[in-house]
């Protein structure tokens, strides 16, 4: 039976070929409507505020603002919108942080199209949905068994949304002036955020901040190629 109103979905994925594939899969469903696409985490937040989709399908590794931080901001700004993480990352620490930040589900990218549409329907109803392997990990997760990715549950969670944004932009190679323009804040405020980050993390150079952002999963590990 067809729903009177389709479930509205925003796709947040920076790879065009993946985004187009997701759109085609979802457009084949009679009760799901894709109403927008975002190519950066920051754009996902802006479009969520503007469109108020029922569900945001969010990749973790997004430029400018990573998908987990974008999830936190969307859940705070648009509480009626549910976020479904769709990621290649299966580390339990990513899943735990996504849940902490408000995500209602977490699917691995190798999941079937049926699971994707099913997950969207479930979380739109107010339920949660996880890939089978993720659900198994969650059931057996012990708080003392975190590996080095435990950084995600400790230091990163102590950073504010703005500090996380600034850290990601620093790690992506942006200068203070670029960060100032991107975030609409003064250069002096950017400098203060940079100083606070270094104090909180006990890291005192840009290369160290970049390595930390990679280690904590804030940016993709490919950025390591640019570090000298």
N, C-alpha and C. Protein backbone atom coordinates (compact mmCIF):
# COMPACT_ATOMS: atom_id res chain seq x y z
N UNK A 1 0.84 -1.20 0.00
CA UNK A 1 0.00 0.00 0.00
C UNK A 1 0.87 1.25 0.00
N UNK A 2 0.58 2.17 -0.89
CA UNK A 2 1.39 3.37 -1.02
C UNK A 2 1.10 4.34 0.11
N UNK A 3 2.19 4.99 0.57
CA UNK A 3 2.03 6.00 1.60
C UNK A 3 1.42 7.24 0.99
N UNK A 4 0.63 7.96 1.78
CA UNK A 4 0.04 9.21 1.30
C UNK A 4 1.13 10.21 0.98
N UNK A 5 2.16 10.24 1.82
CA UNK A 5 3.28 11.14 1.60
C UNK A 5 4.57 10.34 1.58
N UNK A 6 5.42 10.56 0.58
CA UNK A 6 6.67 9.79 0.53
C UNK A 6 7.64 10.22 1.63
N UNK A 7 8.56 9.35 1.94
CA UNK A 7 9.61 9.66 2.90
C UNK A 7 10.65 10.50 2.18
N UNK A 8 10.85 11.72 2.63
CA UNK A 8 11.79 12.61 1.96
C UNK A 8 13.21 12.34 2.44
N UNK A 9 14.15 12.30 1.49
CA UNK A 9 15.53 11.93 1.79
C UNK A 9 16.51 12.94 1.20
N UNK A 10 17.52 13.29 1.99
CA UNK A 10 18.65 14.09 1.53
C UNK A 10 19.85 13.17 1.45
N UNK A 11 20.54 13.15 0.31
CA UNK A 11 21.74 12.34 0.13
C UNK A 11 22.97 13.20 0.39
N UNK A 12 23.81 12.79 1.32
CA UNK A 12 25.06 13.50 1.62
C UNK A 12 26.22 12.57 1.30
N UNK A 13 26.79 12.76 0.13
CA UNK A 13 27.85 11.87 -0.39
C UNK A 13 28.69 12.69 -1.36
N UNK A 14 30.01 12.72 -1.17
CA UNK A 14 30.84 13.59 -2.01
C UNK A 14 31.26 12.96 -3.33
N UNK A 15 31.09 11.66 -3.48
CA UNK A 15 31.44 11.02 -4.75
C UNK A 15 30.21 10.96 -5.66
N UNK A 16 30.31 11.63 -6.80
CA UNK A 16 29.14 11.77 -7.68
C UNK A 16 28.59 10.44 -8.16
N UNK A 17 29.47 9.51 -8.53
CA UNK A 17 28.99 8.24 -9.06
C UNK A 17 28.23 7.45 -8.00
N UNK A 18 28.68 7.54 -6.74
CA UNK A 18 27.97 6.87 -5.65
C UNK A 18 26.64 7.54 -5.39
N UNK A 19 26.67 8.88 -5.40
CA UNK A 19 25.44 9.65 -5.14
C UNK A 19 24.38 9.37 -6.20
N UNK A 20 24.82 9.32 -7.46
CA UNK A 20 23.87 9.04 -8.54
C UNK A 20 23.30 7.64 -8.41
N UNK A 21 24.15 6.70 -8.01
CA UNK A 21 23.67 5.33 -7.83
C UNK A 21 22.64 5.23 -6.72
N UNK A 22 22.90 5.93 -5.62
CA UNK A 22 21.95 5.93 -4.50
C UNK A 22 20.63 6.55 -4.91
N UNK A 23 20.71 7.64 -5.66
CA UNK A 23 19.47 8.29 -6.11
C UNK A 23 18.64 7.34 -6.97
N UNK A 24 19.28 6.65 -7.89
CA UNK A 24 18.55 5.73 -8.78
C UNK A 24 17.91 4.59 -7.99
N UNK A 25 18.66 4.08 -7.01
CA UNK A 25 18.11 3.00 -6.18
C UNK A 25 16.87 3.47 -5.42
N UNK A 26 16.96 4.66 -4.84
CA UNK A 26 15.85 5.15 -4.02
C UNK A 26 14.67 5.63 -4.86
N UNK A 27 14.95 6.14 -6.05
CA UNK A 27 13.86 6.60 -6.91
C UNK A 27 13.00 5.44 -7.40
N UNK A 28 13.54 4.22 -7.31
CA UNK A 28 12.77 3.03 -7.71
C UNK A 28 11.76 2.62 -6.64
N UNK A 29 11.88 3.22 -5.46
CA UNK A 29 10.96 2.92 -4.36
C UNK A 29 9.76 3.87 -4.39
N UNK A 30 8.56 3.34 -4.33
CA UNK A 30 7.37 4.16 -4.50
C UNK A 30 7.13 5.12 -3.34
N UNK A 31 7.70 4.79 -2.16
CA UNK A 31 7.40 5.59 -0.97
C UNK A 31 8.56 6.44 -0.49
N UNK A 32 9.61 6.58 -1.34
CA UNK A 32 10.79 7.37 -0.97
C UNK A 32 11.05 8.41 -2.04
N UNK A 33 11.33 9.64 -1.63
CA UNK A 33 11.59 10.73 -2.56
C UNK A 33 12.88 11.45 -2.17
N UNK A 34 13.85 11.48 -3.09
CA UNK A 34 15.09 12.21 -2.85
C UNK A 34 14.85 13.69 -3.17
N UNK A 35 14.99 14.54 -2.16
CA UNK A 35 14.67 15.96 -2.35
C UNK A 35 15.90 16.86 -2.38
N UNK A 36 17.08 16.27 -2.21
CA UNK A 36 18.28 17.09 -2.26
C UNK A 36 19.55 16.26 -2.18
N UNK A 37 20.66 16.87 -2.60
CA UNK A 37 21.95 16.21 -2.56
C UNK A 37 22.99 17.17 -2.02
N UNK A 38 23.87 16.68 -1.17
CA UNK A 38 24.94 17.49 -0.59
C UNK A 38 26.28 16.83 -0.89
N UNK A 39 27.27 17.64 -1.23
CA UNK A 39 28.60 17.11 -1.55
C UNK A 39 29.62 17.40 -0.46
N UNK A 40 29.24 18.18 0.55
CA UNK A 40 30.10 18.43 1.71
C UNK A 40 29.26 18.30 2.98
N UNK A 41 29.93 18.08 4.08
CA UNK A 41 29.21 18.00 5.35
C UNK A 41 28.50 19.30 5.69
N UNK A 42 29.16 20.41 5.40
CA UNK A 42 28.55 21.71 5.72
C UNK A 42 27.30 21.94 4.87
N UNK A 43 27.36 21.55 3.61
CA UNK A 43 26.19 21.68 2.74
C UNK A 43 25.05 20.80 3.24
N UNK A 44 25.38 19.63 3.78
CA UNK A 44 24.35 18.75 4.31
C UNK A 44 23.62 19.41 5.47
N UNK A 45 24.36 20.11 6.32
CA UNK A 45 23.74 20.80 7.45
C UNK A 45 22.83 21.92 6.95
N UNK A 46 23.32 22.70 6.01
CA UNK A 46 22.54 23.82 5.46
C UNK A 46 21.27 23.33 4.80
N UNK A 47 21.39 22.29 3.96
CA UNK A 47 20.22 21.77 3.25
C UNK A 47 19.22 21.10 4.20
N UNK A 48 19.72 20.49 5.26
CA UNK A 48 18.82 19.87 6.24
C UNK A 48 17.98 20.94 6.92
N UNK A 49 18.60 22.05 7.25
CA UNK A 49 17.86 23.16 7.87
C UNK A 49 16.84 23.74 6.90
N UNK A 50 17.21 23.79 5.62
CA UNK A 50 16.33 24.40 4.62
C UNK A 50 15.19 23.46 4.20
N UNK A 51 15.48 22.18 4.03
CA UNK A 51 14.51 21.24 3.46
C UNK A 51 13.80 20.38 4.50
N UNK A 52 14.37 20.26 5.69
CA UNK A 52 13.82 19.39 6.75
C UNK A 52 13.43 18.01 6.22
N UNK A 53 14.38 17.28 5.64
CA UNK A 53 14.06 15.94 5.13
C UNK A 53 13.72 15.01 6.28
N UNK A 54 12.97 13.96 5.98
CA UNK A 54 12.67 12.96 7.01
C UNK A 54 13.93 12.21 7.40
N UNK A 55 14.78 11.93 6.39
CA UNK A 55 16.00 11.15 6.60
C UNK A 55 17.16 11.75 5.81
N UNK A 56 18.32 11.82 6.43
CA UNK A 56 19.55 12.16 5.72
C UNK A 56 20.40 10.90 5.65
N UNK A 57 20.79 10.50 4.44
CA UNK A 57 21.72 9.39 4.26
C UNK A 57 23.11 10.01 4.17
N UNK A 58 23.94 9.75 5.18
CA UNK A 58 25.18 10.49 5.37
C UNK A 58 26.43 9.61 5.28
N UNK A 59 27.35 10.01 4.40
CA UNK A 59 28.65 9.36 4.37
C UNK A 59 29.50 9.92 5.51
N UNK A 60 30.44 9.12 6.04
CA UNK A 60 31.30 9.60 7.13
C UNK A 60 32.38 10.53 6.60
N UNK A 61 33.05 10.12 5.52
CA UNK A 61 34.20 10.88 5.02
C UNK A 61 33.75 11.97 4.06
N UNK A 62 33.33 13.11 4.63
CA UNK A 62 32.88 14.24 3.83
C UNK A 62 33.86 15.39 3.96
N UNK A 63 34.11 16.15 2.87
CA UNK A 63 35.01 17.29 2.97
C UNK A 63 34.38 18.46 3.73
N UNK A 64 35.24 19.36 4.21
CA UNK A 64 34.87 20.58 4.94
C UNK A 64 34.30 20.30 6.33
N UNK A 65 33.39 19.35 6.41
CA UNK A 65 32.83 18.96 7.71
C UNK A 65 32.53 17.47 7.62
N UNK A 66 33.19 16.66 8.45
CA UNK A 66 33.01 15.21 8.32
C UNK A 66 31.59 14.81 8.68
N UNK A 67 31.19 13.63 8.21
CA UNK A 67 29.81 13.20 8.35
C UNK A 67 29.34 13.04 9.78
N UNK A 68 30.25 12.65 10.68
CA UNK A 68 29.84 12.49 12.08
C UNK A 68 29.55 13.83 12.73
N UNK A 69 30.39 14.82 12.47
CA UNK A 69 30.14 16.15 13.02
C UNK A 69 28.91 16.77 12.38
N UNK A 70 28.73 16.54 11.06
CA UNK A 70 27.52 17.03 10.39
C UNK A 70 26.28 16.40 11.01
N UNK A 71 26.39 15.12 11.37
CA UNK A 71 25.27 14.44 12.03
C UNK A 71 24.93 15.12 13.36
N UNK A 72 25.95 15.44 14.14
CA UNK A 72 25.72 16.11 15.42
C UNK A 72 24.98 17.43 15.20
N UNK A 73 25.42 18.21 14.22
CA UNK A 73 24.82 19.52 13.99
C UNK A 73 23.39 19.40 13.45
N UNK A 74 23.16 18.43 12.58
CA UNK A 74 21.81 18.24 12.03
C UNK A 74 20.85 17.81 13.13
N UNK A 75 21.26 16.87 13.95
CA UNK A 75 20.38 16.36 15.02
C UNK A 75 20.06 17.45 16.04
N UNK A 76 20.98 18.37 16.24
CA UNK A 76 20.73 19.48 17.15
C UNK A 76 19.83 20.55 16.52
N UNK A 77 20.07 20.83 15.24
CA UNK A 77 19.35 21.93 14.56
C UNK A 77 18.00 21.50 14.01
N UNK A 78 17.88 20.25 13.57
CA UNK A 78 16.64 19.77 12.96
C UNK A 78 16.25 18.45 13.62
N UNK A 79 15.77 18.49 14.85
CA UNK A 79 15.50 17.26 15.61
C UNK A 79 14.50 16.32 14.96
N UNK A 80 13.67 16.83 14.06
CA UNK A 80 12.70 15.97 13.38
C UNK A 80 13.32 15.14 12.26
N UNK A 81 14.56 15.46 11.88
CA UNK A 81 15.25 14.73 10.82
C UNK A 81 16.09 13.61 11.40
N UNK A 82 15.98 12.42 10.81
CA UNK A 82 16.76 11.27 11.25
C UNK A 82 17.98 11.11 10.34
N UNK A 83 19.09 10.68 10.92
CA UNK A 83 20.31 10.50 10.12
C UNK A 83 20.68 9.03 10.06
N UNK A 84 20.89 8.55 8.83
CA UNK A 84 21.35 7.18 8.58
C UNK A 84 22.76 7.26 8.02
N UNK A 85 23.73 6.71 8.75
CA UNK A 85 25.10 6.70 8.27
C UNK A 85 25.28 5.57 7.28
N UNK A 86 25.88 5.88 6.12
CA UNK A 86 26.20 4.87 5.11
C UNK A 86 27.69 5.01 4.85
N UNK A 87 28.48 4.04 5.29
CA UNK A 87 29.92 4.23 5.30
C UNK A 87 30.70 2.97 4.99
N UNK A 88 31.94 3.17 4.54
CA UNK A 88 32.85 2.05 4.35
C UNK A 88 33.55 1.70 5.65
N UNK A 89 33.47 2.60 6.63
CA UNK A 89 34.12 2.38 7.93
C UNK A 89 33.27 1.44 8.79
N UNK A 90 33.89 0.39 9.31
CA UNK A 90 33.15 -0.55 10.15
C UNK A 90 33.65 -0.56 11.59
N UNK A 91 34.68 0.25 11.88
CA UNK A 91 35.21 0.27 13.25
C UNK A 91 34.12 0.67 14.22
N UNK A 92 34.01 -0.08 15.31
CA UNK A 92 32.94 0.13 16.27
C UNK A 92 32.98 1.53 16.88
N UNK A 93 34.17 2.13 16.95
CA UNK A 93 34.27 3.47 17.53
C UNK A 93 33.54 4.50 16.68
N UNK A 94 33.58 4.32 15.35
CA UNK A 94 32.82 5.23 14.48
C UNK A 94 31.33 5.07 14.72
N UNK A 95 30.91 3.84 14.88
CA UNK A 95 29.49 3.57 15.12
C UNK A 95 29.05 4.19 16.44
N UNK A 96 29.86 4.00 17.47
CA UNK A 96 29.52 4.55 18.78
C UNK A 96 29.44 6.07 18.76
N UNK A 97 30.39 6.69 18.05
CA UNK A 97 30.34 8.15 17.98
C UNK A 97 29.12 8.61 17.20
N UNK A 98 28.80 7.91 16.11
CA UNK A 98 27.62 8.27 15.33
C UNK A 98 26.36 8.20 16.19
N UNK A 99 26.24 7.15 16.99
CA UNK A 99 25.09 7.00 17.88
C UNK A 99 25.08 8.12 18.92
N UNK A 100 26.24 8.41 19.49
CA UNK A 100 26.35 9.48 20.48
C UNK A 100 25.91 10.82 19.90
N UNK A 101 26.24 11.04 18.64
CA UNK A 101 25.91 12.30 17.98
C UNK A 101 24.48 12.33 17.44
N UNK A 102 23.75 11.21 17.57
CA UNK A 102 22.33 11.23 17.23
C UNK A 102 21.91 10.40 16.04
N UNK A 103 22.83 9.69 15.38
CA UNK A 103 22.45 8.88 14.22
C UNK A 103 21.50 7.76 14.64
N UNK A 104 20.53 7.47 13.80
CA UNK A 104 19.53 6.44 14.11
C UNK A 104 19.88 5.10 13.48
N UNK A 105 20.87 5.09 12.60
CA UNK A 105 21.26 3.84 11.96
C UNK A 105 22.63 3.94 11.35
N UNK A 106 23.23 2.79 11.06
CA UNK A 106 24.58 2.74 10.49
C UNK A 106 24.65 1.54 9.55
N UNK A 107 24.80 1.82 8.27
CA UNK A 107 24.91 0.77 7.25
C UNK A 107 26.28 0.80 6.60
N UNK A 108 26.84 -0.36 6.31
CA UNK A 108 28.08 -0.43 5.54
C UNK A 108 27.76 -0.31 4.06
N UNK A 109 28.69 0.25 3.30
CA UNK A 109 28.42 0.52 1.89
C UNK A 109 28.24 -0.74 1.05
N UNK A 110 28.70 -1.87 1.57
CA UNK A 110 28.49 -3.11 0.81
C UNK A 110 27.13 -3.72 1.08
N UNK A 111 26.27 -3.00 1.78
CA UNK A 111 24.94 -3.50 2.08
C UNK A 111 24.10 -3.58 0.81
N UNK A 112 23.02 -4.32 0.86
CA UNK A 112 22.14 -4.45 -0.30
C UNK A 112 21.21 -3.25 -0.41
N UNK A 113 20.69 -3.03 -1.60
CA UNK A 113 19.76 -1.92 -1.81
C UNK A 113 18.49 -2.11 -1.00
N UNK A 114 18.11 -3.37 -0.80
CA UNK A 114 16.91 -3.65 0.00
C UNK A 114 17.11 -3.20 1.44
N UNK A 115 18.31 -3.41 1.98
CA UNK A 115 18.58 -2.99 3.34
C UNK A 115 18.57 -1.47 3.46
N UNK A 116 19.04 -0.78 2.43
CA UNK A 116 19.06 0.68 2.47
C UNK A 116 17.65 1.24 2.55
N UNK A 117 16.78 0.81 1.66
CA UNK A 117 15.40 1.31 1.68
C UNK A 117 14.68 0.88 2.96
N UNK A 118 14.96 -0.34 3.40
CA UNK A 118 14.35 -0.83 4.64
C UNK A 118 14.81 0.02 5.84
N UNK A 119 16.10 0.34 5.87
CA UNK A 119 16.64 1.15 6.96
C UNK A 119 16.00 2.53 6.98
N UNK A 120 15.82 3.13 5.82
CA UNK A 120 15.19 4.45 5.72
C UNK A 120 13.77 4.39 6.29
N UNK A 121 13.03 3.36 5.92
CA UNK A 121 11.66 3.24 6.42
C UNK A 121 11.63 3.04 7.94
N UNK A 122 12.55 2.24 8.43
CA UNK A 122 12.56 1.95 9.86
C UNK A 122 12.91 3.18 10.69
N UNK A 123 13.95 3.90 10.30
CA UNK A 123 14.33 5.04 11.14
C UNK A 123 13.36 6.20 10.98
N UNK A 124 12.66 6.25 9.84
CA UNK A 124 11.62 7.28 9.68
C UNK A 124 10.49 7.03 10.67
N UNK A 125 10.28 5.77 11.03
CA UNK A 125 9.24 5.42 12.00
C UNK A 125 9.68 5.68 13.44
N UNK A 126 10.97 5.98 13.62
CA UNK A 126 11.49 6.20 14.96
C UNK A 126 12.29 5.03 15.50
N UNK A 127 12.52 4.02 14.67
CA UNK A 127 13.32 2.87 15.08
C UNK A 127 14.79 3.08 14.73
N UNK A 128 15.63 2.12 15.10
CA UNK A 128 17.03 2.14 14.70
C UNK A 128 17.28 1.00 13.73
N UNK A 129 18.39 1.10 12.98
CA UNK A 129 18.70 0.06 12.00
C UNK A 129 20.21 0.02 11.79
N UNK A 130 20.77 -1.20 11.88
CA UNK A 130 22.20 -1.37 11.70
C UNK A 130 22.48 -2.57 10.80
N UNK A 131 23.57 -2.49 10.04
CA UNK A 131 24.01 -3.67 9.29
C UNK A 131 24.20 -4.82 10.26
N UNK A 132 23.98 -6.04 9.80
CA UNK A 132 24.05 -7.21 10.69
C UNK A 132 25.38 -7.29 11.42
N UNK A 133 26.49 -7.04 10.70
CA UNK A 133 27.81 -7.13 11.33
C UNK A 133 28.00 -6.05 12.38
N UNK A 134 27.44 -4.86 12.12
CA UNK A 134 27.53 -3.76 13.08
C UNK A 134 26.70 -4.09 14.32
N UNK A 135 25.50 -4.60 14.10
CA UNK A 135 24.64 -4.95 15.23
C UNK A 135 25.31 -6.00 16.11
N UNK A 136 26.00 -6.95 15.49
CA UNK A 136 26.69 -7.99 16.25
C UNK A 136 27.81 -7.37 17.09
N UNK A 137 28.57 -6.45 16.49
CA UNK A 137 29.65 -5.78 17.23
C UNK A 137 29.10 -4.99 18.41
N UNK A 138 27.98 -4.32 18.18
CA UNK A 138 27.39 -3.52 19.26
C UNK A 138 26.95 -4.41 20.41
N UNK A 139 26.40 -5.57 20.09
CA UNK A 139 25.94 -6.49 21.13
C UNK A 139 27.09 -6.99 21.99
N UNK A 140 28.24 -7.15 21.36
CA UNK A 140 29.39 -7.72 22.07
C UNK A 140 30.40 -6.67 22.52
N UNK A 141 30.08 -5.42 22.26
CA UNK A 141 31.04 -4.37 22.59
C UNK A 141 31.23 -4.24 24.10
N UNK A 142 32.48 -4.16 24.49
CA UNK A 142 32.82 -3.95 25.90
C UNK A 142 33.56 -2.63 25.99
N UNK A 143 33.19 -1.78 26.93
CA UNK A 143 33.78 -0.46 27.03
C UNK A 143 35.29 -0.50 27.26
N UNK A 144 35.81 -1.62 27.72
CA UNK A 144 37.25 -1.70 27.97
C UNK A 144 38.02 -2.23 26.78
N UNK A 145 37.31 -2.55 25.68
CA UNK A 145 37.98 -3.21 24.56
C UNK A 145 38.28 -2.27 23.41
N UNK A 146 38.13 -0.96 23.61
CA UNK A 146 38.41 -0.02 22.51
C UNK A 146 39.89 -0.07 22.14
N UNK A 147 40.15 -0.08 20.84
CA UNK A 147 41.54 -0.01 20.41
C UNK A 147 41.96 1.44 20.30
N UNK A 148 42.98 1.74 19.53
CA UNK A 148 43.48 3.11 19.45
C UNK A 148 42.43 4.07 18.92
N UNK A 149 41.41 3.59 18.22
CA UNK A 149 40.35 4.47 17.74
C UNK A 149 39.50 4.96 18.90
N UNK A 150 39.81 4.50 20.12
CA UNK A 150 39.14 5.00 21.31
C UNK A 150 39.27 6.50 21.42
N UNK A 151 40.20 7.09 20.70
CA UNK A 151 40.30 8.55 20.64
C UNK A 151 38.96 9.17 20.28
N UNK A 152 38.19 8.47 19.45
CA UNK A 152 36.90 8.99 19.03
C UNK A 152 35.95 9.17 20.19
N UNK A 153 36.08 8.31 21.21
CA UNK A 153 35.16 8.38 22.34
C UNK A 153 35.70 9.24 23.48
N UNK A 154 36.96 9.68 23.35
CA UNK A 154 37.53 10.47 24.44
C UNK A 154 37.76 11.89 24.00
N UNK A 155 38.91 12.14 23.39
CA UNK A 155 39.27 13.52 23.09
C UNK A 155 38.32 14.20 22.11
N UNK A 156 37.92 13.50 21.05
CA UNK A 156 37.07 14.13 20.05
C UNK A 156 35.73 14.55 20.65
N UNK A 157 35.18 13.74 21.54
CA UNK A 157 33.90 14.07 22.13
C UNK A 157 34.00 15.28 23.05
N UNK A 158 35.21 15.65 23.44
CA UNK A 158 35.39 16.82 24.28
C UNK A 158 35.61 18.08 23.46
N UNK A 159 35.65 17.95 22.14
CA UNK A 159 35.77 19.12 21.28
C UNK A 159 34.38 19.63 20.94
N UNK A 160 34.25 20.95 20.89
CA UNK A 160 32.98 21.53 20.49
C UNK A 160 32.79 21.35 18.98
N UNK A 161 31.57 21.59 18.50
CA UNK A 161 31.31 21.49 17.05
C UNK A 161 32.22 22.43 16.28
N UNK A 162 32.37 23.64 16.77
CA UNK A 162 33.20 24.63 16.08
C UNK A 162 34.66 24.22 16.07
N UNK A 163 35.13 23.68 17.20
CA UNK A 163 36.52 23.23 17.26
C UNK A 163 36.76 22.08 16.29
N UNK A 164 35.79 21.19 16.17
CA UNK A 164 35.93 20.07 15.24
C UNK A 164 35.97 20.57 13.80
N UNK A 165 35.12 21.56 13.49
CA UNK A 165 35.13 22.16 12.15
C UNK A 165 36.48 22.78 11.85
N UNK A 166 36.99 23.57 12.79
CA UNK A 166 38.27 24.24 12.58
C UNK A 166 39.39 23.21 12.43
N UNK A 167 39.37 22.17 13.27
CA UNK A 167 40.40 21.13 13.18
C UNK A 167 40.37 20.47 11.81
N UNK A 168 39.19 20.16 11.30
CA UNK A 168 39.11 19.51 9.98
C UNK A 168 39.67 20.42 8.89
N UNK A 169 39.33 21.71 8.94
CA UNK A 169 39.80 22.64 7.90
C UNK A 169 41.31 22.85 7.99
N UNK A 170 41.84 22.87 9.21
CA UNK A 170 43.30 22.95 9.37
C UNK A 170 43.94 21.72 8.73
N UNK A 171 43.39 20.55 9.04
CA UNK A 171 43.95 19.30 8.52
C UNK A 171 43.81 19.19 7.01
N UNK A 172 42.81 19.87 6.45
CA UNK A 172 42.64 19.87 5.00
C UNK A 172 43.53 20.90 4.32
N UNK A 173 44.35 21.60 5.12
CA UNK A 173 45.35 22.50 4.55
C UNK A 173 44.93 23.95 4.40
N UNK A 174 43.80 24.33 4.98
CA UNK A 174 43.35 25.71 4.84
C UNK A 174 44.08 26.65 5.80
N UNK A 175 44.40 27.84 5.30
CA UNK A 175 45.03 28.87 6.13
C UNK A 175 43.96 29.55 6.97
N UNK A 176 44.40 30.31 7.97
CA UNK A 176 43.45 30.98 8.86
C UNK A 176 42.46 31.85 8.10
N UNK A 177 42.93 32.56 7.06
CA UNK A 177 42.04 33.44 6.28
C UNK A 177 40.97 32.63 5.57
N UNK A 178 41.34 31.48 5.01
CA UNK A 178 40.36 30.62 4.34
C UNK A 178 39.33 30.09 5.33
N UNK A 179 39.81 29.66 6.50
CA UNK A 179 38.90 29.15 7.53
C UNK A 179 37.95 30.25 7.98
N UNK A 180 38.49 31.45 8.14
CA UNK A 180 37.68 32.60 8.52
C UNK A 180 36.56 32.84 7.52
N UNK A 181 36.91 32.80 6.23
CA UNK A 181 35.90 33.01 5.17
C UNK A 181 34.88 31.88 5.13
N UNK A 182 35.34 30.65 5.26
CA UNK A 182 34.45 29.49 5.20
C UNK A 182 33.42 29.49 6.32
N UNK A 183 33.88 29.84 7.52
CA UNK A 183 33.01 29.75 8.70
C UNK A 183 32.34 31.06 9.06
N UNK A 184 32.71 32.14 8.39
CA UNK A 184 32.10 33.43 8.68
C UNK A 184 32.47 33.97 10.04
N UNK A 185 33.71 33.72 10.45
CA UNK A 185 34.20 34.22 11.74
C UNK A 185 35.49 35.00 11.50
N UNK A 186 35.92 35.77 12.48
CA UNK A 186 37.12 36.59 12.31
C UNK A 186 38.38 35.72 12.36
N UNK A 187 39.45 36.25 11.77
CA UNK A 187 40.72 35.54 11.81
C UNK A 187 41.18 35.37 13.25
N UNK A 188 40.93 36.39 14.08
CA UNK A 188 41.33 36.31 15.48
C UNK A 188 40.60 35.16 16.18
N UNK A 189 39.32 34.96 15.83
CA UNK A 189 38.56 33.85 16.43
C UNK A 189 39.12 32.51 15.96
N UNK A 190 39.51 32.43 14.70
CA UNK A 190 40.14 31.20 14.19
C UNK A 190 41.42 30.91 14.95
N UNK A 191 42.22 31.95 15.17
CA UNK A 191 43.48 31.78 15.89
C UNK A 191 43.23 31.29 17.32
N UNK A 192 42.16 31.80 17.95
CA UNK A 192 41.82 31.36 19.31
C UNK A 192 41.41 29.89 19.32
N UNK A 193 40.60 29.49 18.31
CA UNK A 193 40.20 28.09 18.22
C UNK A 193 41.43 27.20 18.01
N UNK A 194 42.34 27.62 17.16
CA UNK A 194 43.56 26.85 16.90
C UNK A 194 44.38 26.70 18.20
N UNK A 195 44.48 27.80 18.94
CA UNK A 195 45.21 27.78 20.20
C UNK A 195 44.55 26.84 21.22
N UNK A 196 43.20 26.89 21.30
CA UNK A 196 42.48 26.02 22.22
C UNK A 196 42.64 24.56 21.84
N UNK A 197 42.62 24.28 20.54
CA UNK A 197 42.81 22.90 20.08
C UNK A 197 44.18 22.38 20.50
N UNK A 198 45.19 23.18 20.31
CA UNK A 198 46.54 22.76 20.66
C UNK A 198 46.66 22.51 22.16
N UNK A 199 45.99 23.36 22.96
CA UNK A 199 46.03 23.19 24.40
C UNK A 199 45.28 21.92 24.83
N UNK A 200 44.06 21.74 24.28
CA UNK A 200 43.25 20.58 24.66
C UNK A 200 43.91 19.27 24.28
N UNK A 201 44.52 19.25 23.09
CA UNK A 201 45.08 18.01 22.57
C UNK A 201 46.56 17.85 22.89
N UNK A 202 47.16 18.90 23.48
CA UNK A 202 48.59 18.90 23.79
C UNK A 202 49.41 18.64 22.53
N UNK A 203 49.00 19.32 21.47
CA UNK A 203 49.68 19.24 20.17
C UNK A 203 50.03 20.67 19.78
N UNK A 204 51.27 20.89 19.32
CA UNK A 204 51.70 22.27 19.16
C UNK A 204 52.18 22.65 17.77
N UNK A 205 51.76 21.89 16.77
CA UNK A 205 52.06 22.29 15.39
C UNK A 205 50.97 21.77 14.47
N UNK A 206 50.90 22.35 13.27
CA UNK A 206 49.85 22.00 12.32
C UNK A 206 49.96 20.55 11.86
N UNK A 207 51.19 20.10 11.64
CA UNK A 207 51.38 18.70 11.20
C UNK A 207 50.82 17.74 12.25
N UNK A 208 51.04 18.08 13.52
CA UNK A 208 50.53 17.23 14.60
C UNK A 208 49.02 17.22 14.64
N UNK A 209 48.40 18.39 14.42
CA UNK A 209 46.94 18.48 14.38
C UNK A 209 46.39 17.64 13.22
N UNK A 210 47.09 17.70 12.10
CA UNK A 210 46.66 16.94 10.92
C UNK A 210 46.74 15.44 11.18
N UNK A 211 47.83 15.00 11.79
CA UNK A 211 47.96 13.58 12.12
C UNK A 211 46.87 13.15 13.09
N UNK A 212 46.56 14.01 14.05
CA UNK A 212 45.52 13.69 15.02
C UNK A 212 44.17 13.56 14.32
N UNK A 213 43.86 14.48 13.40
CA UNK A 213 42.58 14.45 12.68
C UNK A 213 42.45 13.16 11.87
N UNK A 214 43.56 12.69 11.31
CA UNK A 214 43.55 11.43 10.56
C UNK A 214 43.33 10.26 11.52
N UNK A 215 44.08 10.26 12.63
CA UNK A 215 43.98 9.19 13.62
C UNK A 215 42.58 9.08 14.19
N UNK A 216 41.93 10.23 14.39
CA UNK A 216 40.60 10.24 14.99
C UNK A 216 39.49 10.05 13.96
N UNK A 217 39.84 9.91 12.68
CA UNK A 217 38.83 9.68 11.66
C UNK A 217 38.08 10.92 11.23
N UNK A 218 38.61 12.11 11.56
CA UNK A 218 37.93 13.35 11.19
C UNK A 218 38.11 13.63 9.70
N UNK A 219 39.26 13.23 9.15
CA UNK A 219 39.48 13.30 7.71
C UNK A 219 39.98 11.96 7.24
N UNK A 220 39.92 11.73 5.93
CA UNK A 220 40.33 10.45 5.37
C UNK A 220 41.83 10.29 5.46
N UNK A 221 42.27 9.05 5.60
CA UNK A 221 43.70 8.78 5.76
C UNK A 221 44.52 9.14 4.53
N UNK A 222 43.86 9.32 3.38
CA UNK A 222 44.60 9.69 2.16
C UNK A 222 45.30 11.02 2.33
N UNK A 223 44.82 11.84 3.27
CA UNK A 223 45.45 13.14 3.49
C UNK A 223 46.88 12.95 3.99
N UNK A 224 47.19 11.77 4.54
CA UNK A 224 48.54 11.51 5.02
C UNK A 224 49.55 11.69 3.91
N UNK A 225 49.13 11.51 2.68
CA UNK A 225 50.05 11.63 1.55
C UNK A 225 50.59 13.05 1.42
N UNK A 226 49.90 14.03 1.97
CA UNK A 226 50.32 15.41 1.83
C UNK A 226 51.20 15.86 2.99
N UNK A 227 51.38 15.01 4.01
CA UNK A 227 52.15 15.40 5.18
C UNK A 227 53.63 15.11 4.93
N UNK A 228 54.48 16.07 5.22
CA UNK A 228 55.92 15.87 5.04
C UNK A 228 56.61 15.95 6.38
